[in-house]
Amino acid sequence: MAVRRRMTALLYGIALSVFALDRLSKLWVEHTLVHRPPIRVIPGVLSLTYTTNSGGAFGIGRSAPWLFVGATVAVGAAIVIASLRPMRPSVAVALGLILGGAAGNLTDRIVNGAALRGEVTDFIDFHVWPVFNLADTAIVIGAILLAIVSFGDDREDRDAENGMPAGADEPA
């Protein structure tokens, strides 16, 4: 039971941290870059450019923002339900990243219009990729991590069953 509480705290702690960083970064961008030229961080490579997006990550599906709201609510609910079950630390981290990013973009949609037609603030511009934000980054990293741990070995599960810290070497 204590392990489950720690994993739940890890998941929600990461989600809250991602949410806070995303909101703070978007507030900064909205106060610093609206109606101003981009900030060139690395000329020709990385700029901070204010833009909005009614679609999903990286500008996908701009004509159906309601689809992303529905998916966000469904994924968020699934993660909350999953948080009630035992999980590995890597899964808690992945789900926390996804939940925090999803909550950040959903909040943005609500603040910037209405949930079913609002837009998210994007600002990270690598010039060879659509402009995105920290929430998008967290969602993508969380999804990749979740895919990796889903296909990985069961070492964390075996270690937990044997009372060993995750990743510890097997006893000789």
N, C-alpha and C. Protein backbone atom coordinates (compact mmCIF):
# COMPACT_ATOMS: atom_id res chain seq x y z
N MET A 1 0.82 -1.19 0.00
CA MET A 1 0.00 0.00 0.00
C MET A 1 0.86 1.26 0.00
N ALA A 2 1.96 1.26 0.75
CA ALA A 2 2.84 2.43 0.80
C ALA A 2 3.48 2.68 -0.57
N VAL A 3 3.82 1.60 -1.28
CA VAL A 3 4.42 1.75 -2.61
C VAL A 3 3.40 2.39 -3.56
N ARG A 4 2.17 1.95 -3.48
CA ARG A 4 1.13 2.51 -4.35
C ARG A 4 0.94 4.00 -4.07
N ARG A 5 0.96 4.39 -2.81
CA ARG A 5 0.83 5.82 -2.47
C ARG A 5 2.01 6.62 -3.00
N ARG A 6 3.23 6.04 -2.92
CA ARG A 6 4.40 6.74 -3.45
C ARG A 6 4.31 6.92 -4.95
N MET A 7 3.86 5.88 -5.66
CA MET A 7 3.74 5.98 -7.11
C MET A 7 2.65 6.97 -7.50
N THR A 8 1.55 6.99 -6.75
CA THR A 8 0.49 7.96 -7.01
C THR A 8 1.00 9.37 -6.77
N ALA A 9 1.75 9.57 -5.68
CA ALA A 9 2.33 10.89 -5.39
C ALA A 9 3.32 11.29 -6.49
N LEU A 10 4.11 10.33 -6.97
CA LEU A 10 5.05 10.62 -8.06
C LEU A 10 4.30 11.06 -9.31
N LEU A 11 3.28 10.31 -9.70
CA LEU A 11 2.49 10.63 -10.88
C LEU A 11 1.89 12.03 -10.77
N TYR A 12 1.20 12.32 -9.67
CA TYR A 12 0.54 13.62 -9.53
C TYR A 12 1.55 14.74 -9.28
N GLY A 13 2.67 14.45 -8.65
CA GLY A 13 3.71 15.46 -8.47
C GLY A 13 4.31 15.88 -9.80
N ILE A 14 4.57 14.92 -10.66
CA ILE A 14 5.09 15.24 -11.99
C ILE A 14 4.03 15.97 -12.80
N ALA A 15 2.79 15.52 -12.74
CA ALA A 15 1.71 16.19 -13.48
C ALA A 15 1.57 17.64 -13.03
N LEU A 16 1.61 17.88 -11.74
CA LEU A 16 1.49 19.24 -11.23
C LEU A 16 2.68 20.10 -11.65
N SER A 17 3.87 19.52 -11.61
CA SER A 17 5.08 20.26 -12.02
C SER A 17 5.03 20.63 -13.50
N VAL A 18 4.65 19.68 -14.34
CA VAL A 18 4.53 19.95 -15.78
C VAL A 18 3.46 21.02 -16.03
N PHE A 19 2.33 20.87 -15.37
CA PHE A 19 1.24 21.84 -15.52
C PHE A 19 1.72 23.24 -15.13
N ALA A 20 2.39 23.36 -13.98
CA ALA A 20 2.86 24.66 -13.51
C ALA A 20 3.89 25.26 -14.47
N LEU A 21 4.86 24.46 -14.92
CA LEU A 21 5.87 24.97 -15.86
C LEU A 21 5.23 25.40 -17.17
N ASP A 22 4.28 24.62 -17.65
CA ASP A 22 3.60 24.95 -18.89
C ASP A 22 2.83 26.26 -18.75
N ARG A 23 2.05 26.40 -17.68
CA ARG A 23 1.26 27.63 -17.48
C ARG A 23 2.16 28.84 -17.34
N LEU A 24 3.23 28.70 -16.53
CA LEU A 24 4.15 29.82 -16.34
C LEU A 24 4.83 30.22 -17.64
N SER A 25 5.25 29.23 -18.43
CA SER A 25 5.91 29.54 -19.70
C SER A 25 4.94 30.23 -20.65
N LYS A 26 3.70 29.80 -20.70
CA LYS A 26 2.72 30.42 -21.60
C LYS A 26 2.37 31.83 -21.14
N LEU A 27 2.26 32.03 -19.83
CA LEU A 27 1.99 33.39 -19.34
C LEU A 27 3.15 34.32 -19.69
N TRP A 28 4.37 33.82 -19.53
CA TRP A 28 5.54 34.63 -19.89
C TRP A 28 5.52 34.98 -21.38
N VAL A 29 5.26 33.97 -22.21
CA VAL A 29 5.23 34.19 -23.66
C VAL A 29 4.14 35.19 -24.03
N GLU A 30 2.96 35.05 -23.44
CA GLU A 30 1.86 35.96 -23.76
C GLU A 30 2.17 37.39 -23.34
N HIS A 31 2.92 37.57 -22.26
CA HIS A 31 3.26 38.92 -21.80
C HIS A 31 4.51 39.47 -22.48
N THR A 32 5.33 38.60 -23.07
CA THR A 32 6.60 39.04 -23.63
C THR A 32 6.59 39.09 -25.16
N LEU A 33 5.89 38.18 -25.82
CA LEU A 33 6.05 38.02 -27.26
C LEU A 33 4.85 38.43 -28.11
N VAL A 34 3.68 38.64 -27.52
CA VAL A 34 2.52 39.02 -28.32
C VAL A 34 2.81 40.37 -28.98
N HIS A 35 2.60 40.43 -30.30
CA HIS A 35 2.82 41.64 -31.11
C HIS A 35 4.27 42.10 -31.10
N ARG A 36 5.18 41.18 -30.86
CA ARG A 36 6.61 41.50 -30.89
C ARG A 36 7.32 40.47 -31.75
N PRO A 37 8.50 40.83 -32.24
CA PRO A 37 9.24 39.85 -33.05
C PRO A 37 9.74 38.69 -32.19
N PRO A 38 10.00 37.56 -32.82
CA PRO A 38 10.51 36.38 -32.09
C PRO A 38 11.85 36.68 -31.41
N ILE A 39 12.10 35.95 -30.35
CA ILE A 39 13.41 36.01 -29.69
C ILE A 39 14.26 34.90 -30.31
N ARG A 40 15.37 35.27 -30.92
CA ARG A 40 16.25 34.29 -31.55
C ARG A 40 17.22 33.76 -30.50
N VAL A 41 16.99 32.53 -30.07
CA VAL A 41 17.83 31.91 -29.03
C VAL A 41 19.11 31.40 -29.67
N ILE A 42 18.97 30.61 -30.74
CA ILE A 42 20.09 30.15 -31.55
C ILE A 42 19.73 30.50 -32.99
N PRO A 43 20.35 31.55 -33.55
CA PRO A 43 19.95 32.03 -34.88
C PRO A 43 19.89 30.90 -35.91
N GLY A 44 18.75 30.85 -36.62
CA GLY A 44 18.55 29.86 -37.66
C GLY A 44 18.17 28.48 -37.15
N VAL A 45 18.19 28.29 -35.82
CA VAL A 45 17.89 26.98 -35.26
C VAL A 45 16.69 27.03 -34.30
N LEU A 46 16.75 27.92 -33.31
CA LEU A 46 15.71 27.97 -32.28
C LEU A 46 15.30 29.41 -32.00
N SER A 47 14.01 29.64 -32.10
CA SER A 47 13.44 30.94 -31.74
C SER A 47 12.26 30.72 -30.82
N LEU A 48 11.94 31.75 -30.06
CA LEU A 48 10.71 31.75 -29.27
C LEU A 48 9.76 32.68 -29.99
N THR A 49 8.69 32.08 -30.56
CA THR A 49 7.77 32.77 -31.44
C THR A 49 6.35 32.56 -30.94
N TYR A 50 5.64 33.63 -30.65
CA TYR A 50 4.26 33.51 -30.19
C TYR A 50 3.35 33.14 -31.35
N THR A 51 2.55 32.10 -31.12
CA THR A 51 1.49 31.73 -32.05
C THR A 51 0.43 30.96 -31.28
N THR A 52 -0.72 30.78 -31.89
CA THR A 52 -1.76 29.97 -31.26
C THR A 52 -2.14 28.85 -32.22
N ASN A 53 -2.77 27.83 -31.65
CA ASN A 53 -3.08 26.62 -32.41
C ASN A 53 -4.39 26.05 -31.89
N SER A 54 -5.35 25.85 -32.77
CA SER A 54 -6.63 25.26 -32.36
C SER A 54 -6.61 23.75 -32.46
N GLY A 55 -5.53 23.18 -33.01
CA GLY A 55 -5.45 21.74 -33.18
C GLY A 55 -4.71 21.06 -32.04
N GLY A 56 -4.14 19.92 -32.37
CA GLY A 56 -3.39 19.14 -31.39
C GLY A 56 -1.92 19.45 -31.46
N ALA A 57 -1.13 18.56 -30.92
CA ALA A 57 0.32 18.74 -30.89
C ALA A 57 0.85 18.99 -32.29
N PHE A 58 1.71 20.00 -32.40
CA PHE A 58 2.39 20.33 -33.64
C PHE A 58 1.42 20.75 -34.75
N GLY A 59 0.25 21.28 -34.38
CA GLY A 59 -0.68 21.83 -35.35
C GLY A 59 -1.57 20.83 -36.05
N ILE A 60 -1.58 19.61 -35.63
CA ILE A 60 -2.38 18.57 -36.29
C ILE A 60 -3.87 18.78 -35.95
N GLY A 61 -4.73 18.69 -36.94
CA GLY A 61 -6.18 18.71 -36.73
C GLY A 61 -6.76 20.04 -36.30
N ARG A 62 -6.33 21.11 -36.90
CA ARG A 62 -6.81 22.45 -36.52
C ARG A 62 -8.32 22.63 -36.71
N SER A 63 -8.92 21.87 -37.60
CA SER A 63 -10.35 22.06 -37.87
C SER A 63 -11.24 21.30 -36.90
N ALA A 64 -10.67 20.54 -35.97
CA ALA A 64 -11.49 19.76 -35.03
C ALA A 64 -10.97 19.88 -33.60
N PRO A 65 -10.95 21.09 -33.03
CA PRO A 65 -10.44 21.23 -31.66
C PRO A 65 -11.27 20.44 -30.64
N TRP A 66 -12.56 20.27 -30.90
CA TRP A 66 -13.42 19.51 -30.00
C TRP A 66 -12.93 18.07 -29.85
N LEU A 67 -12.31 17.53 -30.92
CA LEU A 67 -11.78 16.17 -30.86
C LEU A 67 -10.66 16.07 -29.83
N PHE A 68 -9.82 17.10 -29.76
CA PHE A 68 -8.71 17.09 -28.81
C PHE A 68 -9.18 17.31 -27.39
N VAL A 69 -10.24 18.08 -27.23
CA VAL A 69 -10.82 18.27 -25.89
C VAL A 69 -11.37 16.93 -25.40
N GLY A 70 -12.12 16.24 -26.26
CA GLY A 70 -12.68 14.94 -25.89
C GLY A 70 -11.60 13.92 -25.57
N ALA A 71 -10.57 13.88 -26.40
CA ALA A 71 -9.46 12.96 -26.16
C ALA A 71 -8.73 13.30 -24.87
N THR A 72 -8.56 14.59 -24.60
CA THR A 72 -7.87 15.02 -23.38
C THR A 72 -8.65 14.59 -22.15
N VAL A 73 -9.95 14.78 -22.16
CA VAL A 73 -10.78 14.39 -21.02
C VAL A 73 -10.75 12.87 -20.85
N ALA A 74 -10.85 12.13 -21.94
CA ALA A 74 -10.83 10.66 -21.85
C ALA A 74 -9.49 10.15 -21.34
N VAL A 75 -8.40 10.69 -21.87
CA VAL A 75 -7.06 10.25 -21.43
C VAL A 75 -6.84 10.64 -19.97
N GLY A 76 -7.25 11.86 -19.61
CA GLY A 76 -7.11 12.29 -18.22
C GLY A 76 -7.87 11.38 -17.27
N ALA A 77 -9.09 11.03 -17.63
CA ALA A 77 -9.89 10.13 -16.80
C ALA A 77 -9.24 8.75 -16.70
N ALA A 78 -8.72 8.26 -17.81
CA ALA A 78 -8.05 6.94 -17.80
C ALA A 78 -6.82 6.97 -16.89
N ILE A 79 -6.07 8.07 -16.91
CA ILE A 79 -4.88 8.16 -16.07
C ILE A 79 -5.28 8.24 -14.60
N VAL A 80 -6.33 8.99 -14.28
CA VAL A 80 -6.79 9.06 -12.89
C VAL A 80 -7.21 7.67 -12.41
N ILE A 81 -7.92 6.94 -13.24
CA ILE A 81 -8.34 5.58 -12.86
C ILE A 81 -7.11 4.68 -12.71
N ALA A 82 -6.16 4.79 -13.63
CA ALA A 82 -4.93 3.98 -13.56
C ALA A 82 -4.12 4.31 -12.31
N SER A 83 -4.21 5.55 -11.83
CA SER A 83 -3.44 5.93 -10.65
C SER A 83 -3.91 5.21 -9.40
N LEU A 84 -5.07 4.59 -9.44
CA LEU A 84 -5.60 3.85 -8.30
C LEU A 84 -5.03 2.44 -8.23
N ARG A 85 -4.31 2.03 -9.26
CA ARG A 85 -3.75 0.68 -9.33
C ARG A 85 -2.24 0.74 -9.09
N PRO A 86 -1.65 -0.37 -8.67
CA PRO A 86 -0.18 -0.39 -8.51
C PRO A 86 0.49 -0.15 -9.87
N MET A 87 1.62 0.54 -9.85
CA MET A 87 2.34 0.79 -11.10
C MET A 87 3.82 0.94 -10.82
N ARG A 88 4.60 0.76 -11.85
CA ARG A 88 6.05 0.93 -11.76
C ARG A 88 6.37 2.42 -11.77
N PRO A 89 7.53 2.80 -11.24
CA PRO A 89 7.93 4.21 -11.25
C PRO A 89 7.99 4.79 -12.66
N SER A 90 8.49 4.03 -13.62
CA SER A 90 8.59 4.54 -14.98
C SER A 90 7.21 4.81 -15.57
N VAL A 91 6.23 4.01 -15.23
CA VAL A 91 4.86 4.23 -15.71
C VAL A 91 4.28 5.46 -15.03
N ALA A 92 4.54 5.63 -13.74
CA ALA A 92 4.05 6.81 -13.02
C ALA A 92 4.62 8.09 -13.63
N VAL A 93 5.90 8.07 -13.97
CA VAL A 93 6.54 9.24 -14.59
C VAL A 93 5.89 9.52 -15.95
N ALA A 94 5.74 8.49 -16.77
CA ALA A 94 5.15 8.67 -18.11
C ALA A 94 3.73 9.21 -18.01
N LEU A 95 2.92 8.62 -17.15
CA LEU A 95 1.54 9.08 -17.01
C LEU A 95 1.47 10.48 -16.42
N GLY A 96 2.38 10.82 -15.51
CA GLY A 96 2.43 12.17 -14.96
C GLY A 96 2.75 13.20 -16.03
N LEU A 97 3.71 12.87 -16.91
CA LEU A 97 4.04 13.78 -18.02
C LEU A 97 2.83 14.00 -18.92
N ILE A 98 2.15 12.92 -19.27
CA ILE A 98 0.99 13.01 -20.16
C ILE A 98 -0.13 13.80 -19.50
N LEU A 99 -0.43 13.49 -18.24
CA LEU A 99 -1.52 14.17 -17.54
C LEU A 99 -1.23 15.66 -17.37
N GLY A 100 -0.02 16.00 -16.97
CA GLY A 100 0.34 17.41 -16.80
C GLY A 100 0.27 18.18 -18.10
N GLY A 101 0.77 17.59 -19.18
CA GLY A 101 0.71 18.25 -20.49
C GLY A 101 -0.72 18.40 -20.98
N ALA A 102 -1.50 17.35 -20.81
CA ALA A 102 -2.90 17.41 -21.25
C ALA A 102 -3.67 18.47 -20.46
N ALA A 103 -3.45 18.53 -19.15
CA ALA A 103 -4.12 19.54 -18.33
C ALA A 103 -3.69 20.95 -18.71
N GLY A 104 -2.40 21.11 -19.04
CA GLY A 104 -1.91 22.42 -19.46
C GLY A 104 -2.57 22.90 -20.74
N ASN A 105 -2.65 22.04 -21.73
CA ASN A 105 -3.27 22.43 -23.00
C ASN A 105 -4.78 22.61 -22.87
N LEU A 106 -5.44 21.78 -22.05
CA LEU A 106 -6.88 21.95 -21.84
C LEU A 106 -7.16 23.28 -21.15
N THR A 107 -6.36 23.61 -20.16
CA THR A 107 -6.52 24.89 -19.47
C THR A 107 -6.33 26.04 -20.45
N ASP A 108 -5.35 25.92 -21.32
CA ASP A 108 -5.10 26.94 -22.33
C ASP A 108 -6.32 27.13 -23.23
N ARG A 109 -6.92 26.04 -23.66
CA ARG A 109 -8.11 26.13 -24.52
C ARG A 109 -9.24 26.86 -23.81
N ILE A 110 -9.41 26.57 -22.53
CA ILE A 110 -10.48 27.21 -21.76
C ILE A 110 -10.19 28.70 -21.57
N VAL A 111 -8.94 29.03 -21.25
CA VAL A 111 -8.55 30.42 -21.03
C VAL A 111 -8.60 31.21 -22.33
N ASN A 112 -8.25 30.59 -23.45
CA ASN A 112 -8.18 31.28 -24.74
C ASN A 112 -9.42 31.08 -25.60
N GLY A 113 -10.57 31.12 -25.02
CA GLY A 113 -11.81 30.99 -25.79
C GLY A 113 -12.82 30.17 -25.02
N ALA A 114 -13.05 28.99 -25.50
CA ALA A 114 -13.93 28.04 -24.84
C ALA A 114 -13.33 26.67 -25.08
N ALA A 115 -13.59 25.77 -24.19
CA ALA A 115 -12.93 24.46 -24.26
C ALA A 115 -13.08 23.79 -25.63
N LEU A 116 -14.25 23.90 -26.24
CA LEU A 116 -14.48 23.18 -27.49
C LEU A 116 -13.97 23.91 -28.73
N ARG A 117 -13.53 25.17 -28.59
CA ARG A 117 -13.00 25.87 -29.75
C ARG A 117 -11.81 26.77 -29.40
N GLY A 118 -11.33 26.69 -28.19
CA GLY A 118 -10.21 27.52 -27.78
C GLY A 118 -8.90 27.07 -28.40
N GLU A 119 -7.89 27.90 -28.23
CA GLU A 119 -6.58 27.64 -28.81
C GLU A 119 -5.53 27.51 -27.73
N VAL A 120 -4.46 26.81 -28.05
CA VAL A 120 -3.33 26.72 -27.14
C VAL A 120 -2.25 27.69 -27.63
N THR A 121 -1.45 28.16 -26.70
CA THR A 121 -0.33 29.04 -27.02
C THR A 121 0.89 28.19 -27.31
N ASP A 122 1.50 28.41 -28.46
CA ASP A 122 2.72 27.72 -28.84
C ASP A 122 3.83 28.74 -28.99
N PHE A 123 5.09 28.31 -28.77
CA PHE A 123 6.17 29.28 -28.85
C PHE A 123 7.55 28.69 -29.14
N ILE A 124 7.75 27.40 -29.04
CA ILE A 124 9.06 26.82 -29.29
C ILE A 124 9.16 26.52 -30.78
N ASP A 125 10.07 27.22 -31.45
CA ASP A 125 10.15 27.17 -32.92
C ASP A 125 11.55 26.73 -33.35
N PHE A 126 11.65 25.48 -33.84
CA PHE A 126 12.92 24.96 -34.35
C PHE A 126 13.06 25.18 -35.86
N HIS A 127 12.14 25.89 -36.47
CA HIS A 127 12.18 26.27 -37.89
C HIS A 127 12.04 25.09 -38.86
N VAL A 128 12.19 23.87 -38.44
CA VAL A 128 12.02 22.71 -39.32
C VAL A 128 10.87 21.84 -38.83
N TRP A 129 10.15 22.34 -37.84
CA TRP A 129 9.09 21.58 -37.18
C TRP A 129 8.00 22.57 -36.83
N PRO A 130 6.75 22.16 -36.77
CA PRO A 130 5.71 23.11 -36.33
C PRO A 130 6.01 23.64 -34.92
N VAL A 131 5.59 24.86 -34.66
CA VAL A 131 5.80 25.50 -33.36
C VAL A 131 5.00 24.73 -32.31
N PHE A 132 5.56 24.55 -31.13
CA PHE A 132 4.92 23.77 -30.07
C PHE A 132 5.18 24.41 -28.71
N ASN A 133 4.74 23.74 -27.64
CA ASN A 133 4.89 24.28 -26.29
C ASN A 133 5.39 23.19 -25.33
N LEU A 134 5.56 23.54 -24.06
CA LEU A 134 6.05 22.57 -23.09
C LEU A 134 5.07 21.44 -22.84
N ALA A 135 3.77 21.74 -22.88
CA ALA A 135 2.76 20.69 -22.68
C ALA A 135 2.86 19.64 -23.79
N ASP A 136 2.99 20.10 -25.03
CA ASP A 136 3.15 19.17 -26.16
C ASP A 136 4.38 18.29 -25.94
N THR A 137 5.47 18.92 -25.50
CA THR A 137 6.72 18.19 -25.27
C THR A 137 6.52 17.11 -24.21
N ALA A 138 5.87 17.47 -23.10
CA ALA A 138 5.64 16.51 -22.02
C ALA A 138 4.77 15.35 -22.49
N ILE A 139 3.73 15.64 -23.27
CA ILE A 139 2.84 14.59 -23.76
C ILE A 139 3.61 13.62 -24.66
N VAL A 140 4.40 14.15 -25.57
CA VAL A 140 5.15 13.30 -26.50
C VAL A 140 6.20 12.48 -25.76
N ILE A 141 6.94 13.11 -24.86
CA ILE A 141 7.96 12.36 -24.09
C ILE A 141 7.29 11.31 -23.22
N GLY A 142 6.17 11.66 -22.59
CA GLY A 142 5.45 10.69 -21.77
C GLY A 142 4.94 9.51 -22.59
N ALA A 143 4.41 9.78 -23.78
CA ALA A 143 3.91 8.70 -24.64
C ALA A 143 5.05 7.79 -25.11
N ILE A 144 6.18 8.39 -25.47
CA ILE A 144 7.34 7.58 -25.90
C ILE A 144 7.84 6.74 -24.73
N LEU A 145 7.96 7.35 -23.54
CA LEU A 145 8.40 6.60 -22.36
C LEU A 145 7.44 5.46 -22.04
N LEU A 146 6.14 5.73 -22.12
CA LEU A 146 5.14 4.69 -21.85
C LEU A 146 5.26 3.54 -22.86
N ALA A 147 5.49 3.87 -24.13
CA ALA A 147 5.68 2.83 -25.15
C ALA A 147 6.93 2.01 -24.86
N ILE A 148 8.01 2.69 -24.48
CA ILE A 148 9.26 1.98 -24.20
C ILE A 148 9.09 1.04 -23.01
N VAL A 149 8.50 1.53 -21.92
CA VAL A 149 8.36 0.66 -20.74
C VAL A 149 7.34 -0.43 -20.96
N SER A 150 6.40 -0.20 -21.86
CA SER A 150 5.41 -1.24 -22.16
C SER A 150 6.04 -2.40 -22.90
N PHE A 151 7.08 -2.12 -23.69
CA PHE A 151 7.74 -3.17 -24.44
C PHE A 151 9.01 -3.66 -23.76
N GLY A 152 9.36 -3.04 -22.62
CA GLY A 152 10.59 -3.41 -21.92
C GLY A 152 10.41 -4.70 -21.14
N ASP A 153 11.49 -5.07 -20.45
CA ASP A 153 11.42 -6.29 -19.64
C ASP A 153 10.65 -6.00 -18.35
N ASP A 154 10.43 -7.02 -17.57
CA ASP A 154 9.68 -6.89 -16.33
C ASP A 154 10.59 -6.75 -15.13
N ARG A 155 11.80 -6.21 -15.32
CA ARG A 155 12.77 -6.12 -14.22
C ARG A 155 12.20 -5.35 -13.03
N GLU A 156 11.55 -4.22 -13.29
CA GLU A 156 10.99 -3.44 -12.18
C GLU A 156 9.96 -4.25 -11.42
N ASP A 157 9.12 -5.00 -12.14
CA ASP A 157 8.12 -5.83 -11.48
C ASP A 157 8.78 -6.92 -10.64
N ARG A 158 9.79 -7.59 -11.20
CA ARG A 158 10.49 -8.65 -10.46
C ARG A 158 11.21 -8.09 -9.25
N ASP A 159 11.86 -6.94 -9.42
CA ASP A 159 12.57 -6.33 -8.30
C ASP A 159 11.62 -5.97 -7.17
N ALA A 160 10.46 -5.40 -7.54
CA ALA A 160 9.48 -5.03 -6.52
C ALA A 160 8.98 -6.25 -5.77
N GLU A 161 8.77 -7.35 -6.50
CA GLU A 161 8.31 -8.58 -5.85
C GLU A 161 9.35 -9.15 -4.90
N ASN A 162 10.63 -8.94 -5.23
CA ASN A 162 11.71 -9.46 -4.40
C ASN A 162 12.14 -8.47 -3.31
N GLY A 163 11.46 -7.35 -3.22
CA GLY A 163 11.78 -6.36 -2.20
C GLY A 163 13.05 -5.58 -2.48
N MET A 164 13.49 -5.56 -3.75
CA MET A 164 14.71 -4.86 -4.12
C MET A 164 14.36 -3.53 -4.77
N PRO A 165 15.22 -2.52 -4.64
CA PRO A 165 14.98 -1.27 -5.35
C PRO A 165 14.97 -1.51 -6.87
N ALA A 166 14.20 -0.72 -7.56
CA ALA A 166 14.12 -0.88 -9.02
C ALA A 166 15.49 -0.76 -9.65
N GLY A 167 15.81 -1.70 -10.53
CA GLY A 167 17.09 -1.67 -11.25
C GLY A 167 18.25 -2.27 -10.50
N ALA A 168 18.04 -2.74 -9.29
CA ALA A 168 19.15 -3.34 -8.53
C ALA A 168 19.53 -4.67 -9.16
N ASP A 169 20.78 -5.05 -9.01
CA ASP A 169 21.24 -6.32 -9.56
C ASP A 169 20.59 -7.47 -8.81
N GLU A 170 20.40 -8.55 -9.53
CA GLU A 170 19.87 -9.76 -8.94
C GLU A 170 20.85 -10.30 -7.91
N PRO A 171 20.38 -10.90 -6.81
CA PRO A 171 21.33 -11.48 -5.84
C PRO A 171 22.07 -12.66 -6.46
N ALA A 172 23.33 -12.80 -6.06
CA ALA A 172 24.17 -13.87 -6.63
C ALA A 172 23.81 -15.22 -6.07
